[in-house]
PDB file of N, CA and C in Angstrom:
ATOM      1  N   MET A   1     -28.769  28.236  13.262  1.00  0.00           N
ATOM      2  CA  MET A   1     -28.502  27.327  14.640  1.00  0.00           C
ATOM      3  C   MET A   1     -29.627  26.140  14.137  1.00  0.00           C
ATOM      4  N   LYS A   2     -30.747  26.368  13.280  1.00  0.00           N
ATOM      5  CA  LYS A   2     -31.517  24.869  13.203  1.00  0.00           C
ATOM      6  C   LYS A   2     -30.525  23.808  11.649  1.00  0.00           C
ATOM      7  N   GLY A   3     -30.368  24.995  10.833  1.00  0.00           N
ATOM      8  CA  GLY A   3     -28.821  24.406  10.070  1.00  0.00           C
ATOM      9  C   GLY A   3     -28.260  23.305  10.846  1.00  0.00           C
ATOM     10  N   LYS A   4     -26.976  23.956  11.565  1.00  0.00           N
ATOM     11  CA  LYS A   4     -26.614  23.137  12.099  1.00  0.00           C
ATOM     12  C   LYS A   4     -26.733  22.155  13.115  1.00  0.00           C
ATOM     13  N   ALA A   5     -28.404  21.554  13.812  1.00  0.00           N
ATOM     14  CA  ALA A   5     -28.537  20.823  14.684  1.00  0.00           C
ATOM     15  C   ALA A   5     -29.503  20.087  13.188  1.00  0.00           C
ATOM     16  N   LEU A   6     -29.538  19.932  11.905  1.00  0.00           N
ATOM     17  CA  LEU A   6     -29.999  19.362  11.443  1.00  0.00           C
ATOM     18  C   LEU A   6     -28.690  18.741  10.039  1.00  0.00           C
ATOM     19  N   TRP A   7     -27.400  19.605  10.658  1.00  0.00           N
ATOM     20  CA  TRP A   7     -26.605  19.335   9.764  1.00  0.00           C
ATOM     21  C   TRP A   7     -25.833  17.521  10.846  1.00  0.00           C
ATOM     22  N   MET A   8     -25.689  18.568  11.578  1.00  0.00           N
ATOM     23  CA  MET A   8     -25.624  17.049  12.714  1.00  0.00           C
ATOM     24  C   MET A   8     -26.393  15.866  13.045  1.00  0.00           C
ATOM     25  N   ILE A   9     -27.561  16.105  13.014  1.00  0.00           N
ATOM     26  CA  ILE A   9     -28.168  14.387  13.163  1.00  0.00           C
ATOM     27  C   ILE A   9     -28.350  14.120  11.787  1.00  0.00           C
ATOM     28  N   ALA A  10     -27.852  14.246  10.550  1.00  0.00           N
ATOM     29  CA  ALA A  10     -27.846  14.145   8.981  1.00  0.00           C
ATOM     30  C   ALA A  10     -26.617  13.598   9.223  1.00  0.00           C
ATOM     31  N   ALA A  11     -25.157  13.669   9.830  1.00  0.00           N
ATOM     32  CA  ALA A  11     -23.626  13.347  10.135  1.00  0.00           C
ATOM     33  C   ALA A  11     -24.138  12.405  10.978  1.00  0.00           C
ATOM     34  N   VAL A  12     -24.832  12.459  12.087  1.00  0.00           N
ATOM     35  CA  VAL A  12     -25.399  11.182  12.940  1.00  0.00           C
ATOM     36  C   VAL A  12     -25.900  10.176  12.551  1.00  0.00           C
ATOM     37  N   ALA A  13     -26.579  10.029  11.527  1.00  0.00           N
ATOM     38  CA  ALA A  13     -27.373   9.283  10.332  1.00  0.00           C
ATOM     39  C   ALA A  13     -26.568   8.332   9.484  1.00  0.00           C
ATOM     40  N   LEU A  14     -25.624   8.955   8.989  1.00  0.00           N
ATOM     41  CA  LEU A  14     -24.537   8.847   8.281  1.00  0.00           C
ATOM     42  C   LEU A  14     -24.005   8.005   8.805  1.00  0.00           C
ATOM     43  N   MET A  15     -23.226   8.059   9.525  1.00  0.00           N
ATOM     44  CA  MET A  15     -22.687   7.418  11.244  1.00  0.00           C
ATOM     45  C   MET A  15     -23.019   6.320  11.231  1.00  0.00           C
ATOM     46  N   LEU A  16     -23.878   5.620  11.400  1.00  0.00           N
ATOM     47  CA  LEU A  16     -24.641   4.892  12.541  1.00  0.00           C
ATOM     48  C   LEU A  16     -25.317   4.080  11.127  1.00  0.00           C
ATOM     49  N   GLY A  17     -25.251   4.191  10.079  1.00  0.00           N
ATOM     50  CA  GLY A  17     -25.885   3.450   8.606  1.00  0.00           C
ATOM     51  C   GLY A  17     -24.246   3.029   8.423  1.00  0.00           C
ATOM     52  N   ALA A  18     -23.321   3.743   8.816  1.00  0.00           N
ATOM     53  CA  ALA A  18     -22.189   2.883   8.078  1.00  0.00           C
ATOM     54  C   ALA A  18     -21.734   1.808   8.602  1.00  0.00           C
ATOM     55  N   CYS A  19     -22.265   1.500   9.677  1.00  0.00           N
ATOM     56  CA  CYS A  19     -22.154   0.388  10.701  1.00  0.00           C
ATOM     57  C   CYS A  19     -23.277  -0.849  10.379  1.00  0.00           C
ATOM     58  N   ASP A  20     -24.196  -0.589   9.587  1.00  0.00           N
ATOM     59  CA  ASP A  20     -25.092  -1.649   9.544  1.00  0.00           C
ATOM     60  C   ASP A  20     -24.695  -2.805   8.995  1.00  0.00           C
ATOM     61  N   SER A  21     -24.580  -3.834  10.220  1.00  0.00           N
ATOM     62  CA  SER A  21     -24.321  -5.145   9.833  1.00  0.00           C
ATOM     63  C   SER A  21     -24.549  -5.706   8.496  1.00  0.00           C
ATOM     64  N   THR A  22     -25.915  -5.671   8.035  1.00  0.00           N
ATOM     65  CA  THR A  22     -26.675  -6.161   7.181  1.00  0.00           C
ATOM     66  C   THR A  22     -25.842  -5.510   6.166  1.00  0.00           C
ATOM     67  N   SER A  23     -25.345  -4.750   5.654  1.00  0.00           N
ATOM     68  CA  SER A  23     -24.730  -4.168   4.241  1.00  0.00           C
ATOM     69  C   SER A  23     -24.697  -5.232   3.245  1.00  0.00           C
ATOM     70  N   SER A  24     -24.331  -4.558   1.549  1.00  0.00           N
ATOM     71  CA  SER A  24     -24.654  -5.794   1.107  1.00  0.00           C
ATOM     72  C   SER A  24     -22.491  -5.800   0.963  1.00  0.00           C
ATOM     73  N   ARG A  25     -21.180  -4.989   2.022  1.00  0.00           N
ATOM     74  CA  ARG A  25     -20.370  -5.015   1.432  1.00  0.00           C
ATOM     75  C   ARG A  25     -19.691  -6.814   2.024  1.00  0.00           C
ATOM     76  N   PRO A  26     -18.416  -6.406   1.512  1.00  0.00           N
ATOM     77  CA  PRO A  26     -17.470  -8.078   0.759  1.00  0.00           C
ATOM     78  C   PRO A  26     -17.729  -8.252   2.176  1.00  0.00           C
ATOM     79  N   GLN A  27     -17.039  -9.131   2.698  1.00  0.00           N
ATOM     80  CA  GLN A  27     -16.358  -9.263   4.180  1.00  0.00           C
ATOM     81  C   GLN A  27     -15.288  -9.162   4.224  1.00  0.00           C
ATOM     82  N   MET A  28     -14.204  -8.015   5.445  1.00  0.00           N
ATOM     83  CA  MET A  28     -13.287  -7.894   5.384  1.00  0.00           C
ATOM     84  C   MET A  28     -12.410  -8.994   5.941  1.00  0.00           C
ATOM     85  N   ASP A  29     -12.314  -9.806   6.990  1.00  0.00           N
ATOM     86  CA  ASP A  29     -11.875 -10.717   7.064  1.00  0.00           C
ATOM     87  C   ASP A  29     -11.350 -11.552   6.217  1.00  0.00           C
ATOM     88  N   TYR A  30      -9.811 -12.334   7.057  1.00  0.00           N
ATOM     89  CA  TYR A  30      -9.504 -13.531   6.156  1.00  0.00           C
ATOM     90  C   TYR A  30     -10.668 -14.722   6.387  1.00  0.00           C
ATOM     91  N   PRO A  31     -10.709 -15.471   5.160  1.00  0.00           N
ATOM     92  CA  PRO A  31     -10.836 -16.460   5.445  1.00  0.00           C
ATOM     93  C   PRO A  31     -10.619 -17.463   6.436  1.00  0.00           C
ATOM     94  N   ASP A  32     -11.148 -18.993   6.527  1.00  0.00           N
ATOM     95  CA  ASP A  32     -10.089 -20.422   6.345  1.00  0.00           C
ATOM     96  C   ASP A  32      -9.310 -19.911   7.711  1.00  0.00           C
ATOM     97  N   LYS A  33      -9.461 -19.222   8.682  1.00  0.00           N
ATOM     98  CA  LYS A  33      -8.223 -18.493   9.413  1.00  0.00           C
ATOM     99  C   LYS A  33      -7.692 -19.927  10.324  1.00  0.00           C
ATOM    100  N   GLN A  34      -9.040 -21.163  10.627  1.00  0.00           N
ATOM    101  CA  GLN A  34      -8.292 -22.337  11.084  1.00  0.00           C
ATOM    102  C   GLN A  34      -7.419 -23.534  10.119  1.00  0.00           C
ATOM    103  N   SER A  35      -7.658 -22.908   8.889  1.00  0.00           N
ATOM    104  CA  SER A  35      -6.963 -24.170   8.274  1.00  0.00           C
ATOM    105  C   SER A  35      -5.073 -23.732   8.154  1.00  0.00           C
ATOM    106  N   GLU A  36      -4.770 -25.100   8.492  1.00  0.00           N
ATOM    107  CA  GLU A  36      -2.979 -24.659   7.463  1.00  0.00           C
ATOM    108  C   GLU A  36      -2.699 -24.164   6.840  1.00  0.00           C
ATOM    109  N   ALA A  37      -3.349 -23.600   5.519  1.00  0.00           N
ATOM    110  CA  ALA A  37      -3.359 -23.248   4.384  1.00  0.00           C
ATOM    111  C   ALA A  37      -3.263 -21.486   4.730  1.00  0.00           C
ATOM    112  N   TYR A  38      -4.267 -21.141   5.621  1.00  0.00           N
ATOM    113  CA  TYR A  38      -4.120 -19.619   6.083  1.00  0.00           C
ATOM    114  C   TYR A  38      -2.626 -19.327   6.987  1.00  0.00           C
ATOM    115  N   LYS A  39      -2.765 -20.859   8.120  1.00  0.00           N
ATOM    116  CA  LYS A  39      -1.515 -20.458   9.382  1.00  0.00           C
ATOM    117  C   LYS A  39      -0.231 -19.745   8.079  1.00  0.00           C
ATOM    118  N   VAL A  40       0.410 -20.843   7.294  1.00  0.00           N
ATOM    119  CA  VAL A  40       1.447 -20.335   6.373  1.00  0.00           C
ATOM    120  C   VAL A  40       0.806 -19.631   5.282  1.00  0.00           C
ATOM    121  N   TYR A  41      -0.022 -19.106   4.949  1.00  0.00           N
ATOM    122  CA  TYR A  41       0.108 -17.584   4.267  1.00  0.00           C
ATOM    123  C   TYR A  41       0.361 -16.440   5.634  1.00  0.00           C
ATOM    124  N   ALA A  42      -0.021 -16.703   6.579  1.00  0.00           N
ATOM    125  CA  ALA A  42       0.175 -15.598   7.541  1.00  0.00           C
ATOM    126  C   ALA A  42       1.799 -15.717   8.266  1.00  0.00           C
ATOM    127  N   ARG A  43       2.059 -16.825   8.536  1.00  0.00           N
ATOM    128  CA  ARG A  43       3.493 -17.132   8.803  1.00  0.00           C
ATOM    129  C   ARG A  43       4.212 -16.035   7.397  1.00  0.00           C
ATOM    130  N   ASN A  44       4.082 -16.028   5.860  1.00  0.00           N
ATOM    131  CA  ASN A  44       4.770 -16.483   5.294  1.00  0.00           C
ATOM    132  C   ASN A  44       5.024 -14.870   4.787  1.00  0.00           C
ATOM    133  N   CYS A  45       3.617 -13.618   4.940  1.00  0.00           N
ATOM    134  CA  CYS A  45       2.745 -12.939   4.339  1.00  0.00           C
ATOM    135  C   CYS A  45       3.490 -11.915   5.950  1.00  0.00           C
ATOM    136  N   SER A  46       3.380 -11.748   6.455  1.00  0.00           N
ATOM    137  CA  SER A  46       4.047 -10.929   7.686  1.00  0.00           C
ATOM    138  C   SER A  46       5.030 -10.411   8.140  1.00  0.00           C
ATOM    139  N   GLU A  47       6.176 -10.951   7.698  1.00  0.00           N
ATOM    140  CA  GLU A  47       7.166  -9.943   8.296  1.00  0.00           C
ATOM    141  C   GLU A  47       7.445  -8.883   7.644  1.00  0.00           C
ATOM    142  N   CYS A  48       7.347  -8.569   6.341  1.00  0.00           N
ATOM    143  CA  CYS A  48       7.170  -7.258   6.312  1.00  0.00           C
ATOM    144  C   CYS A  48       6.302  -6.398   6.063  1.00  0.00           C
ATOM    145  N   HIS A  49       5.070  -6.376   6.334  1.00  0.00           N
ATOM    146  CA  HIS A  49       3.554  -6.530   5.895  1.00  0.00           C
ATOM    147  C   HIS A  49       2.743  -7.017   6.414  1.00  0.00           C
ATOM    148  N   ALA A  50       0.864  -6.361   6.594  1.00  0.00           N
ATOM    149  CA  ALA A  50       0.530  -7.586   6.271  1.00  0.00           C
ATOM    150  C   ALA A  50      -0.256  -7.723   5.883  1.00  0.00           C
ATOM    151  N   PRO A  51      -0.632  -9.509   5.648  1.00  0.00           N
ATOM    152  CA  PRO A  51      -0.820  -9.891   4.789  1.00  0.00           C
ATOM    153  C   PRO A  51      -2.075  -9.294   4.250  1.00  0.00           C
ATOM    154  N   PRO A  52      -2.265  -8.817   2.918  1.00  0.00           N
ATOM    155  CA  PRO A  52      -3.977  -8.543   2.289  1.00  0.00           C
ATOM    156  C   PRO A  52      -4.828  -9.725   2.321  1.00  0.00           C
ATOM    157  N   LEU A  53      -5.463  -9.232   2.020  1.00  0.00           N
ATOM    158  CA  LEU A  53      -7.270  -9.568   1.857  1.00  0.00           C
ATOM    159  C   LEU A  53      -7.420 -10.272   0.458  1.00  0.00           C
ATOM    160  N   PRO A  54      -7.064 -11.798   0.555  1.00  0.00           N
ATOM    161  CA  PRO A  54      -7.371 -12.326  -0.908  1.00  0.00           C
ATOM    162  C   PRO A  54      -8.309 -12.024  -1.857  1.00  0.00           C
ATOM    163  N   ILE A  55      -9.411 -11.057  -1.333  1.00  0.00           N
ATOM    164  CA  ILE A  55     -10.232  -9.717  -2.421  1.00  0.00           C
ATOM    165  C   ILE A  55      -9.351  -9.553  -2.650  1.00  0.00           C
ATOM    166  N   ALA A  56      -8.016  -8.858  -2.241  1.00  0.00           N
ATOM    167  CA  ALA A  56      -7.152  -7.399  -2.917  1.00  0.00           C
ATOM    168  C   ALA A  56      -7.283  -7.693  -4.476  1.00  0.00           C
ATOM    169  N   HIS A  57      -6.975  -8.920  -5.031  1.00  0.00           N
ATOM    170  CA  HIS A  57      -6.599  -9.126  -6.325  1.00  0.00           C
ATOM    171  C   HIS A  57      -7.097 -10.272  -6.515  1.00  0.00           C
ATOM    172  N   PRO A  58      -7.581 -10.210  -8.419  1.00  0.00           N
ATOM    173  CA  PRO A  58      -8.447 -11.529  -8.541  1.00  0.00           C
ATOM    174  C   PRO A  58      -7.440 -12.908  -8.760  1.00  0.00           C
ATOM    175  N   ALA A  59      -8.174 -13.582  -8.406  1.00  0.00           N
ATOM    176  CA  ALA A  59      -7.260 -14.760  -8.697  1.00  0.00           C
ATOM    177  C   ALA A  59      -6.250 -15.026  -9.500  1.00  0.00           C
ATOM    178  N   ASN A  60      -6.119 -14.387 -10.782  1.00  0.00           N
ATOM    179  CA  ASN A  60      -5.427 -14.961 -11.371  1.00  0.00           C
ATOM    180  C   ASN A  60      -3.935 -13.567 -11.549  1.00  0.00           C
ATOM    181  N   GLN A  61      -3.937 -12.712 -10.975  1.00  0.00           N
ATOM    182  CA  GLN A  61      -3.274 -12.331 -10.154  1.00  0.00           C
ATOM    183  C   GLN A  61      -1.906 -12.347  -9.254  1.00  0.00           C
ATOM    184  N   TRP A  62      -2.816 -13.510  -8.876  1.00  0.00           N
ATOM    185  CA  TRP A  62      -2.161 -14.035  -7.546  1.00  0.00           C
ATOM    186  C   TRP A  62      -0.871 -14.319  -7.270  1.00  0.00           C
ATOM    187  N   PRO A  63      -0.578 -15.426  -8.515  1.00  0.00           N
ATOM    188  CA  PRO A  63       1.465 -15.860  -8.996  1.00  0.00           C
ATOM    189  C   PRO A  63       1.635 -14.603  -9.177  1.00  0.00           C
ATOM    190  N   GLY A  64       1.831 -13.843  -9.775  1.00  0.00           N
ATOM    191  CA  GLY A  64       2.652 -12.791 -10.700  1.00  0.00           C
ATOM    192  C   GLY A  64       2.475 -12.112  -8.342  1.00  0.00           C
ATOM    193  N   VAL A  65       1.789 -11.819  -8.082  1.00  0.00           N
ATOM    194  CA  VAL A  65       1.922 -10.728  -6.500  1.00  0.00           C
ATOM    195  C   VAL A  65       3.027 -11.809  -6.073  1.00  0.00           C
ATOM    196  N   ILE A  66       3.003 -13.244  -6.197  1.00  0.00           N
ATOM    197  CA  ILE A  66       4.171 -13.424  -4.746  1.00  0.00           C
ATOM    198  C   ILE A  66       5.327 -13.734  -5.197  1.00  0.00           C
ATOM    199  N   ALA A  67       5.316 -13.960  -7.163  1.00  0.00           N
ATOM    200  CA  ALA A  67       6.801 -13.088  -7.378  1.00  0.00           C
ATOM    201  C   ALA A  67       7.356 -12.128  -7.471  1.00  0.00           C
ATOM    202  N   ARG A  68       6.206 -11.537  -6.922  1.00  0.00           N
ATOM    203  CA  ARG A  68       6.850  -9.600  -6.782  1.00  0.00           C
ATOM    204  C   ARG A  68       7.718  -9.703  -5.398  1.00  0.00           C
ATOM    205  N   MET A  69       6.721 -10.863  -4.745  1.00  0.00           N
ATOM    206  CA  MET A  69       7.241 -10.566  -3.029  1.00  0.00           C
ATOM    207  C   MET A  69       8.865 -11.561  -3.097  1.00  0.00           C
ATOM    208  N   GLN A  70       8.449 -12.665  -3.749  1.00  0.00           N
ATOM    209  CA  GLN A  70       9.698 -13.287  -3.677  1.00  0.00           C
ATOM    210  C   GLN A  70      10.569 -12.689  -3.793  1.00  0.00           C
ATOM    211  N   GLN A  71      10.681 -11.334  -4.994  1.00  0.00           N
ATOM    212  CA  GLN A  71      12.131 -10.204  -5.592  1.00  0.00           C
ATOM    213  C   GLN A  71      12.040  -9.626  -4.023  1.00  0.00           C
ATOM    214  N   HIS A  72      11.507  -8.910  -3.730  1.00  0.00           N
ATOM    215  CA  HIS A  72      11.684  -8.512  -2.515  1.00  0.00           C
ATOM    216  C   HIS A  72      12.155  -9.128  -0.989  1.00  0.00           C
ATOM    217  N   LEU A  73      11.723  -9.911  -1.060  1.00  0.00           N
ATOM    218  CA  LEU A  73      12.710 -10.693  -0.147  1.00  0.00           C
ATOM    219  C   LEU A  73      14.355 -11.085  -0.505  1.00  0.00           C
ATOM    220  N   VAL A  74      14.468 -11.233  -1.609  1.00  0.00           N
ATOM    221  CA  VAL A  74      15.963 -11.429  -2.319  1.00  0.00           C
ATOM    222  C   VAL A  74      16.702 -10.097  -2.013  1.00  0.00           C
ATOM    223  N   GLN A  75      15.818  -9.184  -2.294  1.00  0.00           N
ATOM    224  CA  GLN A  75      16.077  -7.993  -2.551  1.00  0.00           C
ATOM    225  C   GLN A  75      16.452  -7.042  -1.322  1.00  0.00           C
ATOM    226  N   ARG A  76      16.106  -7.744  -0.699  1.00  0.00           N
ATOM    227  CA  ARG A  76      16.233  -7.055   1.308  1.00  0.00           C
ATOM    228  C   ARG A  76      16.836  -8.210   2.011  1.00  0.00           C
ATOM    229  N   SER A  77      17.696  -9.193   1.348  1.00  0.00           N
ATOM    230  CA  SER A  77      18.390 -10.119   1.684  1.00  0.00           C
ATOM    231  C   SER A  77      18.147 -11.138   2.334  1.00  0.00           C
ATOM    232  N   MET A  78      16.804 -11.516   2.130  1.00  0.00           N
ATOM    233  CA  MET A  78      15.960 -12.116   3.138  1.00  0.00           C
ATOM    234  C   MET A  78      15.734 -14.300   2.841  1.00  0.00           C
ATOM    235  N   ALA A  79      15.340 -14.428   3.111  1.00  0.00           N
ATOM    236  CA  ALA A  79      15.250 -15.788   3.007  1.00  0.00           C
ATOM    237  C   ALA A  79      14.692 -15.249   1.477  1.00  0.00           C
ATOM    238  N   PRO A  80      13.800 -16.406   0.698  1.00  0.00           N
ATOM    239  CA  PRO A  80      12.491 -16.895  -0.454  1.00  0.00           C
ATOM    240  C   PRO A  80      11.736 -17.559   0.297  1.00  0.00           C
ATOM    241  N   ILE A  81      10.016 -17.650   0.622  1.00  0.00           N
ATOM    242  CA  ILE A  81       8.943 -18.682   0.568  1.00  0.00           C
ATOM    243  C   ILE A  81       9.964 -19.442   0.218  1.00  0.00           C
ATOM    244  N   ALA A  82       9.457 -21.005   1.043  1.00  0.00           N
ATOM    245  CA  ALA A  82       9.994 -22.148   0.779  1.00  0.00           C
ATOM    246  C   ALA A  82       9.084 -22.128  -0.552  1.00  0.00           C
ATOM    247  N   LEU A  83       9.557 -23.115  -1.690  1.00  0.00           N
ATOM    248  CA  LEU A  83       8.152 -23.553  -2.641  1.00  0.00           C
ATOM    249  C   LEU A  83       7.131 -23.943  -1.877  1.00  0.00           C
ATOM    250  N   GLU A  84       7.690 -25.081  -1.081  1.00  0.00           N
ATOM    251  CA  GLU A  84       6.124 -25.659  -0.830  1.00  0.00           C
ATOM    252  C   GLU A  84       5.229 -25.048  -0.409  1.00  0.00           C
ATOM    253  N   ASP A  85       5.962 -24.041   1.003  1.00  0.00           N
ATOM    254  CA  ASP A  85       4.999 -23.014   1.660  1.00  0.00           C
ATOM    255  C   ASP A  85       3.889 -22.123   0.242  1.00  0.00           C
ATOM    256  N   GLU A  86       5.255 -21.692  -1.054  1.00  0.00           N
ATOM    257  CA  GLU A  86       4.402 -20.656  -1.890  1.00  0.00           C
ATOM    258  C   GLU A  86       3.219 -21.172  -2.231  1.00  0.00           C
ATOM    259  N   LEU A  87       3.034 -23.142  -2.805  1.00  0.00           N
ATOM    260  CA  LEU A  87       2.212 -23.376  -3.057  1.00  0.00           C
ATOM    261  C   LEU A  87       1.019 -23.194  -2.355  1.00  0.00           C
ATOM    262  N   VAL A  88       1.220 -23.449  -1.478  1.00  0.00           N
ATOM    263  CA  VAL A  88       0.414 -23.399   0.060  1.00  0.00           C
ATOM    264  C   VAL A  88      -0.597 -22.310  -0.445  1.00  0.00           C
ATOM    265  N   LEU A  89      -0.044 -21.453  -0.106  1.00  0.00           N
ATOM    266  CA  LEU A  89      -0.786 -19.464   0.485  1.00  0.00           C
ATOM    267  C   LEU A  89      -0.760 -19.588  -1.015  1.00  0.00           C
ATOM    268  N   ARG A  90      -0.223 -19.737  -2.995  1.00  0.00           N
ATOM    269  CA  ARG A  90      -1.112 -19.094  -3.858  1.00  0.00           C
ATOM    270  C   ARG A  90      -2.175 -19.633  -3.953  1.00  0.00           C
ATOM    271  N   ASP A  91      -2.028 -21.167  -3.058  1.00  0.00           N
ATOM    272  CA  ASP A  91      -3.333 -21.646  -3.681  1.00  0.00           C
ATOM    273  C   ASP A  91      -4.781 -21.063  -2.370  1.00  0.00           C
ATOM    274  N   TYR A  92      -4.855 -20.673  -1.440  1.00  0.00           N
ATOM    275  CA  TYR A  92      -4.996 -20.375  -0.687  1.00  0.00           C
ATOM    276  C   TYR A  92      -5.609 -18.925  -1.017  1.00  0.00           C
ATOM    277  N   LEU A  93      -4.809 -18.361  -1.244  1.00  0.00           N
ATOM    278  CA  LEU A  93      -5.248 -16.794  -2.226  1.00  0.00           C
ATOM    279  C   LEU A  93      -6.245 -17.087  -2.936  1.00  0.00           C
ATOM    280  N   MET A  94      -5.725 -17.751  -4.158  1.00  0.00           N
ATOM    281  CA  MET A  94      -6.233 -17.954  -5.348  1.00  0.00           C
ATOM    282  C   MET A  94      -8.318 -18.177  -5.486  1.00  0.00           C
ATOM    283  N   GLN A  95      -8.298 -19.572  -4.259  1.00  0.00           N
ATOM    284  CA  GLN A  95      -9.056 -19.902  -3.780  1.00  0.00           C
ATOM    285  C   GLN A  95      -9.793 -19.197  -3.419  1.00  0.00           C
ATOM    286  N   HIS A  96      -9.924 -18.056  -2.632  1.00  0.00           N
ATOM    287  CA  HIS A  96     -10.423 -17.053  -2.253  1.00  0.00           C
ATOM    288  C   HIS A  96     -10.138 -15.990  -2.319  1.00  0.00           C
ATOM    289  N   ALA A  97      -9.495 -15.809  -3.523  1.00  0.00           N
ATOM    290  CA  ALA A  97      -9.992 -14.741  -4.055  1.00  0.00           C
ATOM    291  C   ALA A  97     -11.089 -14.235  -5.007  1.00  0.00           C
ATOM    292  N   THR A  98     -11.328 -12.999  -6.012  1.00  0.00           N
ATOM    293  CA  THR A  98     -12.379 -12.659  -6.231  1.00  0.00           C
ATOM    294  C   THR A  98     -12.048 -13.313  -7.478  1.00  0.00           C
ATOM    295  N   GLY A  99     -12.956 -12.867  -8.513  1.00  0.00           N
ATOM    296  CA  GLY A  99     -12.789 -14.281  -9.822  1.00  0.00           C
ATOM    297  C   GLY A  99     -11.410 -13.803 -10.624  1.00  0.00           C
ATOM    298  N   GLU A 100     -11.514 -13.927 -11.638  1.00  0.00           N
ATOM    299  CA  GLU A 100     -10.310 -14.148 -12.740  1.00  0.00           C
ATOM    300  C   GLU A 100      -9.974 -12.262 -12.888  1.00  0.00           C
TER     301      GLU A 100
END
């Protein structure tokens, strides 16, 4: 019984520690949510899935990811992202991504 109680206390302490807002984990929210660039990104990248966070890929990988998504849109008989919007969302993603 004593061992079970200690295990429960340890589990609760671990869970509470995971909620520590001062941890060094990266922020898990979209940067610049008030910007027009974010709005273009969110509008274009939420038709099929939740838009990934810019930190999901290094900056140099985002152009390839965008090209792949353009292909998926065409395969689904959907209109591709307009070039002007594509450039805005690419810049937004690359600006807020992790390194190369």
